[in-house]
Amino acid sequence: MAASPLPHGTRDVLDMPPSDMPNVIRRLTADRKLSGLVSRIHRDLHSNDPARRSQGALALKRLGFPE
């Protein structure tokens, strides 16, 4: 079975089942892609759109980052 694609942004993180998150974090770390993903999510946190800010905060929380 092929591994599912890694998330590339906020929506990808929010669409993933929470049970997949530990494996995804390991893969992102191993592929050195976690910081890029977090950077893209941070762009949403600084958006003028309140919905994007809320989604960005939720995505970081799903990834295990504290508020």
C-alpha atoms as a PDB file:
ATOM      1  CA  MET A   1       0.000   0.000   0.000  1.00  0.00           C
ATOM      2  CA  ALA A   2       1.393   3.398  -1.005  1.00  0.00           C
ATOM      3  CA  ALA A   3       1.702   6.102   1.615  1.00  0.00           C
ATOM      4  CA  SER A   4      -0.749   8.957   1.343  1.00  0.00           C
ATOM      5  CA  PRO A   5       0.636  12.289   0.135  1.00  0.00           C
ATOM      6  CA  LEU A   6       2.108  14.605   2.715  1.00  0.00           C
ATOM      7  CA  PRO A   7       0.145  17.743   3.589  1.00  0.00           C
ATOM      8  CA  HIS A   8       1.278  20.939   1.886  1.00  0.00           C
ATOM      9  CA  GLY A   9      -0.913  23.485   3.635  1.00  0.00           C
ATOM     10  CA  THR A  10      -3.544  24.253   6.209  1.00  0.00           C
ATOM     11  CA  ARG A  11      -6.448  22.618   4.375  1.00  0.00           C
ATOM     12  CA  ASP A  12      -4.454  19.405   3.843  1.00  0.00           C
ATOM     13  CA  VAL A  13      -3.768  19.150   7.580  1.00  0.00           C
ATOM     14  CA  LEU A  14      -7.398  19.804   8.468  1.00  0.00           C
ATOM     15  CA  ASP A  15      -8.622  17.190   5.983  1.00  0.00           C
ATOM     16  CA  MET A  16      -6.442  14.426   7.447  1.00  0.00           C
ATOM     17  CA  PRO A  17      -7.784  11.984  10.016  1.00  0.00           C
ATOM     18  CA  PRO A  18      -6.239  12.732  13.429  1.00  0.00           C
ATOM     19  CA  SER A  19      -5.159   9.088  13.680  1.00  0.00           C
ATOM     20  CA  ASP A  20      -2.785   9.647  10.713  1.00  0.00           C
ATOM     21  CA  MET A  21      -1.037  12.593  12.345  1.00  0.00           C
ATOM     22  CA  PRO A  22       1.775  10.742  14.216  1.00  0.00           C
ATOM     23  CA  ASN A  23       2.915   8.978  11.047  1.00  0.00           C
ATOM     24  CA  VAL A  24       2.623  12.158   8.985  1.00  0.00           C
ATOM     25  CA  ILE A  25       4.733  14.085  11.506  1.00  0.00           C
ATOM     26  CA  ARG A  26       7.420  11.382  11.319  1.00  0.00           C
ATOM     27  CA  ARG A  27       7.396  11.498   7.517  1.00  0.00           C
ATOM     28  CA  LEU A  28       7.472  15.313   7.393  1.00  0.00           C
ATOM     29  CA  THR A  29      10.406  15.340   9.798  1.00  0.00           C
ATOM     30  CA  ALA A  30      12.301  12.619   7.937  1.00  0.00           C
ATOM     31  CA  ASP A  31      11.750  14.404   4.608  1.00  0.00           C
ATOM     32  CA  ARG A  32      12.708  17.766   6.146  1.00  0.00           C
ATOM     33  CA  LYS A  33       9.359  19.264   5.109  1.00  0.00           C
ATOM     34  CA  LEU A  34       7.812  20.078   8.486  1.00  0.00           C
ATOM     35  CA  SER A  35       9.207  23.613   8.743  1.00  0.00           C
ATOM     36  CA  GLY A  36       7.941  24.486   5.251  1.00  0.00           C
ATOM     37  CA  LEU A  37       4.458  23.280   6.141  1.00  0.00           C
ATOM     38  CA  VAL A  38       4.464  25.229   9.402  1.00  0.00           C
ATOM     39  CA  SER A  39       5.643  28.330   7.526  1.00  0.00           C
ATOM     40  CA  ARG A  40       2.732  28.052   5.073  1.00  0.00           C
ATOM     41  CA  ILE A  41       0.291  27.604   7.951  1.00  0.00           C
ATOM     42  CA  HIS A  42       1.755  30.697   9.647  1.00  0.00           C
ATOM     43  CA  ARG A  43       0.839  32.721   6.551  1.00  0.00           C
ATOM     44  CA  ASP A  44      -2.774  31.816   7.244  1.00  0.00           C
ATOM     45  CA  LEU A  45      -2.364  32.882  10.878  1.00  0.00           C
ATOM     46  CA  HIS A  46      -1.358  36.345   9.672  1.00  0.00           C
ATOM     47  CA  SER A  47      -4.161  36.647   7.119  1.00  0.00           C
ATOM     48  CA  ASN A  48      -6.710  39.457   7.227  1.00  0.00           C
ATOM     49  CA  ASP A  49      -9.393  36.774   6.849  1.00  0.00           C
ATOM     50  CA  PRO A  50     -10.623  35.583  10.277  1.00  0.00           C
ATOM     51  CA  ALA A  51     -11.621  32.183   8.846  1.00  0.00           C
ATOM     52  CA  ARG A  52      -8.087  31.574   7.522  1.00  0.00           C
ATOM     53  CA  ARG A  53      -6.601  32.603  10.874  1.00  0.00           C
ATOM     54  CA  SER A  54      -8.910  30.197  12.683  1.00  0.00           C
ATOM     55  CA  GLN A  55      -8.088  27.348  10.291  1.00  0.00           C
ATOM     56  CA  GLY A  56      -4.367  28.020  10.648  1.00  0.00           C
ATOM     57  CA  ALA A  57      -4.602  27.877  14.424  1.00  0.00           C
ATOM     58  CA  LEU A  58      -6.549  24.618  14.254  1.00  0.00           C
ATOM     59  CA  ALA A  59      -4.025  23.100  11.829  1.00  0.00           C
ATOM     60  CA  LEU A  60      -1.121  23.919  14.167  1.00  0.00           C
ATOM     61  CA  LYS A  61      -3.054  22.425  17.061  1.00  0.00           C
ATOM     62  CA  ARG A  62      -3.626  19.230  15.049  1.00  0.00           C
ATOM     63  CA  LEU A  63       0.099  19.056  14.378  1.00  0.00           C
ATOM     64  CA  GLY A  64       0.685  19.156  18.133  1.00  0.00           C
ATOM     65  CA  PHE A  65       1.825  22.734  18.581  1.00  0.00           C
ATOM     66  CA  PRO A  66       0.497  24.489  21.674  1.00  0.00           C
ATOM     67  CA  GLU A  67      -1.590  27.621  21.359  1.00  0.00           C
END
